[in-house]
Amino acid sequence: MHSSVSVWLLVGFAVFAANLPFLNERCFAIVALQRFSFSKPVFVRLLELLALYFVVLGLGFFLEAQLGNRFPQGWEFYATTLCLFLVLSFPGFVLRYLVKRRSLRHE
């Protein structure tokens, strides 16, 4: 796989994974937490976001290893990529918590 293709694949997957906890009510879009629950608690969304960060990080390490040698990273790399992942999750956060929902009833 060419390096630019793998980079764009990783960026696209990171955007999808960062917004996934805010766009659905299932854990990892697969497992229903409670049968009659209407929304996930915020801490579950944040834990899911952190777990998906590690999935994207693992995919990045895998793609880097496929292209050649994997370089060692310090704590600065992990702090920066976590902050970037949080920035990528902003559209989903805005849709979930900041956009006002209009009712379908006509008043």
PDB file of N, CA and C in Angstrom:
ATOM      1  N   MET A   1       0.845  -1.166   0.000  1.00  0.00           N
ATOM      2  CA  MET A   1       0.000   0.000   0.000  1.00  0.00           C
ATOM      3  C   MET A   1       0.893   1.233   0.000  1.00  0.00           C
ATOM      4  N   HIS A   2       0.554   2.203  -0.805  1.00  0.00           N
ATOM      5  CA  HIS A   2       1.332   3.433  -0.878  1.00  0.00           C
ATOM      6  C   HIS A   2       1.135   4.246   0.398  1.00  0.00           C
ATOM      7  N   SER A   3       2.142   5.029   0.781  1.00  0.00           N
ATOM      8  CA  SER A   3       2.087   5.732   2.062  1.00  0.00           C
ATOM      9  C   SER A   3       0.969   6.769   2.109  1.00  0.00           C
ATOM     10  N   SER A   4       0.705   7.475   1.008  1.00  0.00           N
ATOM     11  CA  SER A   4      -0.365   8.480   1.047  1.00  0.00           C
ATOM     12  C   SER A   4      -1.740   7.830   1.184  1.00  0.00           C
ATOM     13  N   VAL A   5      -1.923   6.660   0.601  1.00  0.00           N
ATOM     14  CA  VAL A   5      -3.195   5.947   0.737  1.00  0.00           C
ATOM     15  C   VAL A   5      -3.403   5.524   2.189  1.00  0.00           C
ATOM     16  N   SER A   6      -2.352   5.020   2.809  1.00  0.00           N
ATOM     17  CA  SER A   6      -2.491   4.587   4.203  1.00  0.00           C
ATOM     18  C   SER A   6      -2.736   5.767   5.140  1.00  0.00           C
ATOM     19  N   VAL A   7      -2.147   6.915   4.846  1.00  0.00           N
ATOM     20  CA  VAL A   7      -2.377   8.094   5.684  1.00  0.00           C
ATOM     21  C   VAL A   7      -3.828   8.547   5.570  1.00  0.00           C
ATOM     22  N   TRP A   8      -4.360   8.619   4.352  1.00  0.00           N
ATOM     23  CA  TRP A   8      -5.750   9.038   4.181  1.00  0.00           C
ATOM     24  C   TRP A   8      -6.723   8.011   4.733  1.00  0.00           C
ATOM     25  N   LEU A   9      -6.384   6.755   4.648  1.00  0.00           N
ATOM     26  CA  LEU A   9      -7.203   5.713   5.260  1.00  0.00           C
ATOM     27  C   LEU A   9      -7.255   5.905   6.777  1.00  0.00           C
ATOM     28  N   LEU A  10      -6.127   6.177   7.364  1.00  0.00           N
ATOM     29  CA  LEU A  10      -6.061   6.385   8.812  1.00  0.00           C
ATOM     30  C   LEU A  10      -6.814   7.641   9.236  1.00  0.00           C
ATOM     31  N   VAL A  11      -6.677   8.722   8.485  1.00  0.00           N
ATOM     32  CA  VAL A  11      -7.381   9.967   8.818  1.00  0.00           C
ATOM     33  C   VAL A  11      -8.893   9.772   8.697  1.00  0.00           C
ATOM     34  N   GLY A  12      -9.334   9.127   7.634  1.00  0.00           N
ATOM     35  CA  GLY A  12     -10.767   8.876   7.475  1.00  0.00           C
ATOM     36  C   GLY A  12     -11.332   7.999   8.574  1.00  0.00           C
ATOM     37  N   PHE A  13     -10.598   6.953   8.936  1.00  0.00           N
ATOM     38  CA  PHE A  13     -11.053   6.082  10.019  1.00  0.00           C
ATOM     39  C   PHE A  13     -11.047   6.826  11.353  1.00  0.00           C
ATOM     40  N   ALA A  14     -10.074   7.711  11.564  1.00  0.00           N
ATOM     41  CA  ALA A  14     -10.008   8.481  12.811  1.00  0.00           C
ATOM     42  C   ALA A  14     -11.195   9.428  12.932  1.00  0.00           C
ATOM     43  N   VAL A  15     -11.579  10.078  11.847  1.00  0.00           N
ATOM     44  CA  VAL A  15     -12.744  10.972  11.882  1.00  0.00           C
ATOM     45  C   VAL A  15     -14.015  10.170  12.178  1.00  0.00           C
ATOM     46  N   PHE A  16     -14.158   9.030  11.526  1.00  0.00           N
ATOM     47  CA  PHE A  16     -15.320   8.171  11.774  1.00  0.00           C
ATOM     48  C   PHE A  16     -15.345   7.690  13.219  1.00  0.00           C
ATOM     49  N   ALA A  17     -14.213   7.199  13.713  1.00  0.00           N
ATOM     50  CA  ALA A  17     -14.154   6.647  15.069  1.00  0.00           C
ATOM     51  C   ALA A  17     -14.338   7.725  16.127  1.00  0.00           C
ATOM     52  N   ALA A  18     -13.854   8.930  15.872  1.00  0.00           N
ATOM     53  CA  ALA A  18     -13.976  10.000  16.861  1.00  0.00           C
ATOM     54  C   ALA A  18     -15.421  10.455  17.025  1.00  0.00           C
ATOM     55  N   ASN A  19     -16.203  10.373  15.970  1.00  0.00           N
ATOM     56  CA  ASN A  19     -17.591  10.823  16.037  1.00  0.00           C
ATOM     57  C   ASN A  19     -18.571   9.707  16.378  1.00  0.00           C
ATOM     58  N   LEU A  20     -18.137   8.480  16.309  1.00  0.00           N
ATOM     59  CA  LEU A  20     -19.012   7.332  16.536  1.00  0.00           C
ATOM     60  C   LEU A  20     -19.690   7.324  17.910  1.00  0.00           C
ATOM     61  N   PRO A  21     -19.011   7.639  19.011  1.00  0.00           N
ATOM     62  CA  PRO A  21     -19.706   7.599  20.308  1.00  0.00           C
ATOM     63  C   PRO A  21     -20.845   8.607  20.433  1.00  0.00           C
ATOM     64  N   PHE A  22     -20.784   9.698  19.677  1.00  0.00           N
ATOM     65  CA  PHE A  22     -21.794  10.747  19.803  1.00  0.00           C
ATOM     66  C   PHE A  22     -22.941  10.584  18.820  1.00  0.00           C
ATOM     67  N   LEU A  23     -22.788   9.724  17.826  1.00  0.00           N
ATOM     68  CA  LEU A  23     -23.811   9.615  16.791  1.00  0.00           C
ATOM     69  C   LEU A  23     -24.768   8.454  16.979  1.00  0.00           C
ATOM     70  N   ASN A  24     -24.567   7.614  17.981  1.00  0.00           N
ATOM     71  CA  ASN A  24     -25.494   6.511  18.214  1.00  0.00           C
ATOM     72  C   ASN A  24     -25.607   6.234  19.706  1.00  0.00           C
ATOM     73  N   GLU A  25     -26.570   5.413  20.045  1.00  0.00           N
ATOM     74  CA  GLU A  25     -26.828   5.094  21.452  1.00  0.00           C
ATOM     75  C   GLU A  25     -26.303   3.724  21.855  1.00  0.00           C
ATOM     76  N   ARG A  26     -25.663   3.028  20.960  1.00  0.00           N
ATOM     77  CA  ARG A  26     -25.088   1.713  21.274  1.00  0.00           C
ATOM     78  C   ARG A  26     -23.607   1.860  21.540  1.00  0.00           C
ATOM     79  N   CYS A  27     -23.075   1.000  22.365  1.00  0.00           N
ATOM     80  CA  CYS A  27     -21.645   1.022  22.663  1.00  0.00           C
ATOM     81  C   CYS A  27     -20.887   0.434  21.477  1.00  0.00           C
ATOM     82  N   PHE A  28     -19.981   1.185  20.914  1.00  0.00           N
ATOM     83  CA  PHE A  28     -19.212   0.822  19.724  1.00  0.00           C
ATOM     84  C   PHE A  28     -20.126   0.527  18.538  1.00  0.00           C
ATOM     85  N   ALA A  29     -21.308   1.110  18.538  1.00  0.00           N
ATOM     86  CA  ALA A  29     -22.319   0.953  17.488  1.00  0.00           C
ATOM     87  C   ALA A  29     -22.782  -0.495  17.334  1.00  0.00           C
ATOM     88  N   ILE A  30     -22.546  -1.334  18.334  1.00  0.00           N
ATOM     89  CA  ILE A  30     -22.911  -2.744  18.243  1.00  0.00           C
ATOM     90  C   ILE A  30     -23.759  -3.178  19.437  1.00  0.00           C
ATOM     91  N   VAL A  31     -23.285  -2.899  20.642  1.00  0.00           N
ATOM     92  CA  VAL A  31     -23.863  -3.456  21.861  1.00  0.00           C
ATOM     93  C   VAL A  31     -24.817  -2.452  22.507  1.00  0.00           C
ATOM     94  N   ALA A  32     -26.054  -2.848  22.713  1.00  0.00           N
ATOM     95  CA  ALA A  32     -27.004  -2.011  23.440  1.00  0.00           C
ATOM     96  C   ALA A  32     -26.702  -2.120  24.937  1.00  0.00           C
ATOM     97  N   LEU A  33     -26.561  -0.982  25.609  1.00  0.00           N
ATOM     98  CA  LEU A  33     -26.224  -1.000  27.025  1.00  0.00           C
ATOM     99  C   LEU A  33     -27.419  -1.410  27.879  1.00  0.00           C
ATOM    100  N   GLN A  34     -28.555  -0.767  27.643  1.00  0.00           N
ATOM    101  CA  GLN A  34     -29.775  -1.127  28.356  1.00  0.00           C
ATOM    102  C   GLN A  34     -30.894  -1.175  27.333  1.00  0.00           C
ATOM    103  N   ARG A  35     -31.780  -2.057  27.526  1.00  0.00           N
ATOM    104  CA  ARG A  35     -32.823  -2.273  26.523  1.00  0.00           C
ATOM    105  C   ARG A  35     -33.738  -1.057  26.368  1.00  0.00           C
ATOM    106  N   PHE A  36     -34.093  -0.381  27.465  1.00  0.00           N
ATOM    107  CA  PHE A  36     -35.037   0.726  27.379  1.00  0.00           C
ATOM    108  C   PHE A  36     -34.395   2.069  27.693  1.00  0.00           C
ATOM    109  N   SER A  37     -33.106   2.156  27.580  1.00  0.00           N
ATOM    110  CA  SER A  37     -32.414   3.416  27.833  1.00  0.00           C
ATOM    111  C   SER A  37     -32.523   4.322  26.608  1.00  0.00           C
ATOM    112  N   PHE A  38     -32.718   5.590  26.844  1.00  0.00           N
ATOM    113  CA  PHE A  38     -32.857   6.514  25.724  1.00  0.00           C
ATOM    114  C   PHE A  38     -31.530   7.165  25.351  1.00  0.00           C
ATOM    115  N   SER A  39     -30.582   7.241  26.250  1.00  0.00           N
ATOM    116  CA  SER A  39     -29.296   7.842  25.896  1.00  0.00           C
ATOM    117  C   SER A  39     -28.193   7.268  26.777  1.00  0.00           C
ATOM    118  N   LYS A  40     -27.013   7.226  26.207  1.00  0.00           N
ATOM    119  CA  LYS A  40     -25.837   6.764  26.951  1.00  0.00           C
ATOM    120  C   LYS A  40     -25.383   7.875  27.891  1.00  0.00           C
ATOM    121  N   PRO A  41     -24.883   7.528  29.060  1.00  0.00           N
ATOM    122  CA  PRO A  41     -24.301   8.545  29.926  1.00  0.00           C
ATOM    123  C   PRO A  41     -23.022   9.116  29.310  1.00  0.00           C
ATOM    124  N   VAL A  42     -22.663  10.298  29.728  1.00  0.00           N
ATOM    125  CA  VAL A  42     -21.494  10.984  29.172  1.00  0.00           C
ATOM    126  C   VAL A  42     -20.216  10.203  29.450  1.00  0.00           C
ATOM    127  N   PHE A  43     -20.081   9.641  30.638  1.00  0.00           N
ATOM    128  CA  PHE A  43     -18.848   8.930  30.954  1.00  0.00           C
ATOM    129  C   PHE A  43     -18.672   7.684  30.079  1.00  0.00           C
ATOM    130  N   VAL A  44     -19.765   7.050  29.670  1.00  0.00           N
ATOM    131  CA  VAL A  44     -19.670   5.904  28.763  1.00  0.00           C
ATOM    132  C   VAL A  44     -19.197   6.370  27.391  1.00  0.00           C
ATOM    133  N   ARG A  45     -19.705   7.522  26.941  1.00  0.00           N
ATOM    134  CA  ARG A  45     -19.248   8.071  25.665  1.00  0.00           C
ATOM    135  C   ARG A  45     -17.760   8.404  25.710  1.00  0.00           C
ATOM    136  N   LEU A  46     -17.290   8.956  26.817  1.00  0.00           N
ATOM    137  CA  LEU A  46     -15.872   9.299  26.933  1.00  0.00           C
ATOM    138  C   LEU A  46     -14.987   8.058  27.012  1.00  0.00           C
ATOM    139  N   LEU A  47     -15.437   7.028  27.716  1.00  0.00           N
ATOM    140  CA  LEU A  47     -14.682   5.771  27.753  1.00  0.00           C
ATOM    141  C   LEU A  47     -14.633   5.116  26.378  1.00  0.00           C
ATOM    142  N   GLU A  48     -15.746   5.180  25.665  1.00  0.00           N
ATOM    143  CA  GLU A  48     -15.786   4.644  24.306  1.00  0.00           C
ATOM    144  C   GLU A  48     -14.860   5.439  23.389  1.00  0.00           C
ATOM    145  N   LEU A  49     -14.825   6.747  23.561  1.00  0.00           N
ATOM    146  CA  LEU A  49     -13.929   7.604  22.778  1.00  0.00           C
ATOM    147  C   LEU A  49     -12.473   7.252  23.046  1.00  0.00           C
ATOM    148  N   LEU A  50     -12.136   7.011  24.305  1.00  0.00           N
ATOM    149  CA  LEU A  50     -10.769   6.634  24.654  1.00  0.00           C
ATOM    150  C   LEU A  50     -10.401   5.270  24.078  1.00  0.00           C
ATOM    151  N   ALA A  51     -11.323   4.326  24.136  1.00  0.00           N
ATOM    152  CA  ALA A  51     -11.053   2.999  23.563  1.00  0.00           C
ATOM    153  C   ALA A  51     -10.875   3.081  22.050  1.00  0.00           C
ATOM    154  N   LEU A  52     -11.683   3.894  21.392  1.00  0.00           N
ATOM    155  CA  LEU A  52     -11.548   4.048  19.942  1.00  0.00           C
ATOM    156  C   LEU A  52     -10.255   4.773  19.580  1.00  0.00           C
ATOM    157  N   TYR A  53      -9.780   5.655  20.460  1.00  0.00           N
ATOM    158  CA  TYR A  53      -8.477   6.286  20.243  1.00  0.00           C
ATOM    159  C   TYR A  53      -7.380   5.220  20.189  1.00  0.00           C
ATOM    160  N   PHE A  54      -7.435   4.263  21.102  1.00  0.00           N
ATOM    161  CA  PHE A  54      -6.420   3.208  21.101  1.00  0.00           C
ATOM    162  C   PHE A  54      -6.547   2.298  19.877  1.00  0.00           C
ATOM    163  N   VAL A  55      -7.757   2.107  19.388  1.00  0.00           N
ATOM    164  CA  VAL A  55      -7.944   1.323  18.158  1.00  0.00           C
ATOM    165  C   VAL A  55      -7.308   2.047  16.972  1.00  0.00           C
ATOM    166  N   VAL A  56      -7.545   3.350  16.868  1.00  0.00           N
ATOM    167  CA  VAL A  56      -6.952   4.143  15.776  1.00  0.00           C
ATOM    168  C   VAL A  56      -5.437   4.180  15.922  1.00  0.00           C
ATOM    169  N   LEU A  57      -4.947   4.284  17.137  1.00  0.00           N
ATOM    170  CA  LEU A  57      -3.503   4.278  17.383  1.00  0.00           C
ATOM    171  C   LEU A  57      -2.892   2.946  16.958  1.00  0.00           C
ATOM    172  N   GLY A  58      -3.562   1.855  17.282  1.00  0.00           N
ATOM    173  CA  GLY A  58      -3.085   0.544  16.856  1.00  0.00           C
ATOM    174  C   GLY A  58      -3.080   0.391  15.346  1.00  0.00           C
ATOM    175  N   LEU A  59      -4.128   0.900  14.686  1.00  0.00           N
ATOM    176  CA  LEU A  59      -4.163   0.858  13.227  1.00  0.00           C
ATOM    177  C   LEU A  59      -3.032   1.680  12.630  1.00  0.00           C
ATOM    178  N   GLY A  60      -2.744   2.821  13.228  1.00  0.00           N
ATOM    179  CA  GLY A  60      -1.635   3.648  12.760  1.00  0.00           C
ATOM    180  C   GLY A  60      -0.300   2.946  12.913  1.00  0.00           C
ATOM    181  N   PHE A  61      -0.098   2.289  14.047  1.00  0.00           N
ATOM    182  CA  PHE A  61       1.146   1.540  14.252  1.00  0.00           C
ATOM    183  C   PHE A  61       1.260   0.378  13.269  1.00  0.00           C
ATOM    184  N   PHE A  62       0.137  -0.282  12.989  1.00  0.00           N
ATOM    185  CA  PHE A  62       0.147  -1.391  12.035  1.00  0.00           C
ATOM    186  C   PHE A  62       0.506  -0.898  10.635  1.00  0.00           C
ATOM    187  N   LEU A  63      -0.120   0.199  10.212  1.00  0.00           N
ATOM    188  CA  LEU A  63       0.172   0.725   8.880  1.00  0.00           C
ATOM    189  C   LEU A  63       1.611   1.225   8.775  1.00  0.00           C
ATOM    190  N   GLU A  64       2.122   1.807   9.844  1.00  0.00           N
ATOM    191  CA  GLU A  64       3.517   2.265   9.841  1.00  0.00           C
ATOM    192  C   GLU A  64       4.474   1.078   9.747  1.00  0.00           C
ATOM    193  N   ALA A  65       4.162   0.003  10.430  1.00  0.00           N
ATOM    194  CA  ALA A  65       5.012  -1.188  10.375  1.00  0.00           C
ATOM    195  C   ALA A  65       4.972  -1.827   8.993  1.00  0.00           C
ATOM    196  N   GLN A  66       3.829  -1.732   8.299  1.00  0.00           N
ATOM    197  CA  GLN A  66       3.728  -2.287   6.951  1.00  0.00           C
ATOM    198  C   GLN A  66       4.556  -1.497   5.942  1.00  0.00           C
ATOM    199  N   LEU A  67       4.733  -0.200   6.203  1.00  0.00           N
ATOM    200  CA  LEU A  67       5.491   0.645   5.284  1.00  0.00           C
ATOM    201  C   LEU A  67       6.997   0.570   5.509  1.00  0.00           C
ATOM    202  N   GLY A  68       7.398   0.174   6.681  1.00  0.00           N
ATOM    203  CA  GLY A  68       8.830   0.111   6.990  1.00  0.00           C
ATOM    204  C   GLY A  68       9.032  -0.017   8.478  1.00  0.00           C
ATOM    205  N   ASN A  69      10.085   0.582   8.969  1.00  0.00           N
ATOM    206  CA  ASN A  69      10.388   0.517  10.399  1.00  0.00           C
ATOM    207  C   ASN A  69       9.436   1.393  11.197  1.00  0.00           C
ATOM    208  N   ARG A  70       9.017   0.887  12.332  1.00  0.00           N
ATOM    209  CA  ARG A  70       8.191   1.662  13.249  1.00  0.00           C
ATOM    210  C   ARG A  70       9.096   2.444  14.174  1.00  0.00           C
ATOM    211  N   PHE A  71       8.854   3.742  14.285  1.00  0.00           N
ATOM    212  CA  PHE A  71       9.701   4.603  15.096  1.00  0.00           C
ATOM    213  C   PHE A  71       9.187   4.665  16.527  1.00  0.00           C
ATOM    214  N   PRO A  72      10.083   4.699  17.507  1.00  0.00           N
ATOM    215  CA  PRO A  72       9.645   4.838  18.909  1.00  0.00           C
ATOM    216  C   PRO A  72       9.094   6.242  19.153  1.00  0.00           C
ATOM    217  N   GLN A  73       8.063   6.329  20.001  1.00  0.00           N
ATOM    218  CA  GLN A  73       7.414   7.603  20.291  1.00  0.00           C
ATOM    219  C   GLN A  73       7.481   7.892  21.783  1.00  0.00           C
ATOM    220  N   GLY A  74       7.584   9.172  22.116  1.00  0.00           N
ATOM    221  CA  GLY A  74       7.571   9.612  23.504  1.00  0.00           C
ATOM    222  C   GLY A  74       6.164  10.001  23.929  1.00  0.00           C
ATOM    223  N   TRP A  75       6.046  10.476  25.151  1.00  0.00           N
ATOM    224  CA  TRP A  75       4.737  10.833  25.680  1.00  0.00           C
ATOM    225  C   TRP A  75       4.130  12.011  24.931  1.00  0.00           C
ATOM    226  N   GLU A  76       4.972  12.862  24.345  1.00  0.00           N
ATOM    227  CA  GLU A  76       4.469  14.017  23.607  1.00  0.00           C
ATOM    228  C   GLU A  76       3.623  13.599  22.407  1.00  0.00           C
ATOM    229  N   PHE A  77       4.039  12.527  21.739  1.00  0.00           N
ATOM    230  CA  PHE A  77       3.293  12.014  20.593  1.00  0.00           C
ATOM    231  C   PHE A  77       1.893  11.582  21.016  1.00  0.00           C
ATOM    232  N   TYR A  78       1.796  10.853  22.107  1.00  0.00           N
ATOM    233  CA  TYR A  78       0.501  10.349  22.570  1.00  0.00           C
ATOM    234  C   TYR A  78      -0.399  11.489  23.045  1.00  0.00           C
ATOM    235  N   ALA A  79       0.174  12.487  23.721  1.00  0.00           N
ATOM    236  CA  ALA A  79      -0.620  13.633  24.163  1.00  0.00           C
ATOM    237  C   ALA A  79      -1.138  14.428  22.975  1.00  0.00           C
ATOM    238  N   THR A  80      -0.314  14.612  21.970  1.00  0.00           N
ATOM    239  CA  THR A  80      -0.720  15.367  20.784  1.00  0.00           C
ATOM    240  C   THR A  80      -1.785  14.625  19.988  1.00  0.00           C
ATOM    241  N   THR A  81      -1.599  13.328  19.793  1.00  0.00           N
ATOM    242  CA  THR A  81      -2.582  12.579  19.007  1.00  0.00           C
ATOM    243  C   THR A  81      -3.913  12.449  19.751  1.00  0.00           C
ATOM    244  N   LEU A  82      -3.866  12.361  21.081  1.00  0.00           N
ATOM    245  CA  LEU A  82      -5.119  12.327  21.845  1.00  0.00           C
ATOM    246  C   LEU A  82      -5.866  13.651  21.702  1.00  0.00           C
ATOM    247  N   CYS A  83      -5.145  14.752  21.776  1.00  0.00           N
ATOM    248  CA  CYS A  83      -5.792  16.059  21.595  1.00  0.00           C
ATOM    249  C   CYS A  83      -6.341  16.205  20.179  1.00  0.00           C
ATOM    250  N   LEU A  84      -5.617  15.729  19.189  1.00  0.00           N
ATOM    251  CA  LEU A  84      -6.112  15.766  17.816  1.00  0.00           C
ATOM    252  C   LEU A  84      -7.361  14.903  17.668  1.00  0.00           C
ATOM    253  N   PHE A  85      -7.388  13.759  18.312  1.00  0.00           N
ATOM    254  CA  PHE A  85      -8.558  12.880  18.264  1.00  0.00           C
ATOM    255  C   PHE A  85      -9.756  13.561  18.916  1.00  0.00           C
ATOM    256  N   LEU A  86      -9.537  14.287  19.995  1.00  0.00           N
ATOM    257  CA  LEU A  86     -10.626  15.020  20.637  1.00  0.00           C
ATOM    258  C   LEU A  86     -11.142  16.137  19.741  1.00  0.00           C
ATOM    259  N   VAL A  87     -10.250  16.800  19.019  1.00  0.00           N
ATOM    260  CA  VAL A  87     -10.682  17.840  18.077  1.00  0.00           C
ATOM    261  C   VAL A  87     -11.494  17.230  16.943  1.00  0.00           C
ATOM    262  N   LEU A  88     -11.089  16.058  16.475  1.00  0.00           N
ATOM    263  CA  LEU A  88     -11.846  15.386  15.415  1.00  0.00           C
ATOM    264  C   LEU A  88     -13.242  14.978  15.876  1.00  0.00           C
ATOM    265  N   SER A  89     -13.440  14.790  17.178  1.00  0.00           N
ATOM    266  CA  SER A  89     -14.745  14.386  17.693  1.00  0.00           C
ATOM    267  C   SER A  89     -15.680  15.575  17.920  1.00  0.00           C
ATOM    268  N   PHE A  90     -15.217  16.777  17.667  1.00  0.00           N
ATOM    269  CA  PHE A  90     -16.023  17.965  17.932  1.00  0.00           C
ATOM    270  C   PHE A  90     -17.338  18.014  17.152  1.00  0.00           C
ATOM    271  N   PRO A  91     -17.378  17.675  15.846  1.00  0.00           N
ATOM    272  CA  PRO A  91     -18.672  17.711  15.151  1.00  0.00           C
ATOM    273  C   PRO A  91     -19.727  16.797  15.771  1.00  0.00           C
ATOM    274  N   GLY A  92     -19.346  15.607  16.178  1.00  0.00           N
ATOM    275  CA  GLY A  92     -20.293  14.705  16.829  1.00  0.00           C
ATOM    276  C   GLY A  92     -20.761  15.240  18.166  1.00  0.00           C
ATOM    277  N   PHE A  93     -19.851  15.851  18.918  1.00  0.00           N
ATOM    278  CA  PHE A  93     -20.209  16.454  20.201  1.00  0.00           C
ATOM    279  C   PHE A  93     -21.206  17.590  20.008  1.00  0.00           C
ATOM    280  N   VAL A  94     -20.961  18.421  19.008  1.00  0.00           N
ATOM    281  CA  VAL A  94     -21.870  19.538  18.733  1.00  0.00           C
ATOM    282  C   VAL A  94     -23.246  19.027  18.349  1.00  0.00           C
ATOM    283  N   LEU A  95     -23.299  18.023  17.496  1.00  0.00           N
ATOM    284  CA  LEU A  95     -24.607  17.472  17.103  1.00  0.00           C
ATOM    285  C   LEU A  95     -25.345  16.847  18.281  1.00  0.00           C
ATOM    286  N   ARG A  96     -24.620  16.219  19.192  1.00  0.00           N
ATOM    287  CA  ARG A  96     -25.261  15.535  20.315  1.00  0.00           C
ATOM    288  C   ARG A  96     -25.703  16.515  21.395  1.00  0.00           C
ATOM    289  N   TYR A  97     -24.853  17.482  21.768  1.00  0.00           N
ATOM    290  CA  TYR A  97     -25.126  18.278  22.961  1.00  0.00           C
ATOM    291  C   TYR A  97     -25.417  19.755  22.711  1.00  0.00           C
ATOM    292  N   LEU A  98     -25.016  20.313  21.598  1.00  0.00           N
ATOM    293  CA  LEU A  98     -25.159  21.754  21.420  1.00  0.00           C
ATOM    294  C   LEU A  98     -26.243  22.166  20.425  1.00  0.00           C
ATOM    295  N   VAL A  99     -26.632  21.288  19.518  1.00  0.00           N
ATOM    296  CA  VAL A  99     -27.686  21.617  18.561  1.00  0.00           C
ATOM    297  C   VAL A  99     -29.035  21.377  19.212  1.00  0.00           C
ATOM    298  N   LYS A 100     -29.875  22.410  19.168  1.00  0.00           N
ATOM    299  CA  LYS A 100     -31.201  22.260  19.763  1.00  0.00           C
ATOM    300  C   LYS A 100     -32.083  21.426  18.863  1.00  0.00           C
ATOM    301  N   ARG A 101     -32.773  20.477  19.455  1.00  0.00           N
ATOM    302  CA  ARG A 101     -33.681  19.617  18.714  1.00  0.00           C
ATOM    303  C   ARG A 101     -35.059  20.294  18.668  1.00  0.00           C
ATOM    304  N   ARG A 102     -35.638  20.351  17.499  1.00  0.00           N
ATOM    305  CA  ARG A 102     -36.981  20.906  17.361  1.00  0.00           C
ATOM    306  C   ARG A 102     -37.980  19.760  17.406  1.00  0.00           C
ATOM    307  N   SER A 103     -39.078  20.013  18.064  1.00  0.00           N
ATOM    308  CA  SER A 103     -40.104  18.964  18.130  1.00  0.00           C
ATOM    309  C   SER A 103     -40.844  18.906  16.800  1.00  0.00           C
ATOM    310  N   LEU A 104     -41.418  17.778  16.529  1.00  0.00           N
ATOM    311  CA  LEU A 104     -42.143  17.588  15.284  1.00  0.00           C
ATOM    312  C   LEU A 104     -43.582  18.083  15.357  1.00  0.00           C
ATOM    313  N   ARG A 105     -44.028  18.419  16.553  1.00  0.00           N
ATOM    314  CA  ARG A 105     -45.391  18.916  16.711  1.00  0.00           C
ATOM    315  C   ARG A 105     -45.491  20.339  16.201  1.00  0.00           C
ATOM    316  N   HIS A 106     -46.627  20.678  15.631  1.00  0.00           N
ATOM    317  CA  HIS A 106     -46.906  22.066  15.205  1.00  0.00           C
ATOM    318  C   HIS A 106     -47.703  22.737  16.295  1.00  0.00           C
ATOM    319  N   GLU A 107     -47.211  23.873  16.725  1.00  0.00           N
ATOM    320  CA  GLU A 107     -47.919  24.569  17.800  1.00  0.00           C
ATOM    321  C   GLU A 107     -48.477  25.881  17.297  1.00  0.00           C
TER     322      GLU A 107
END
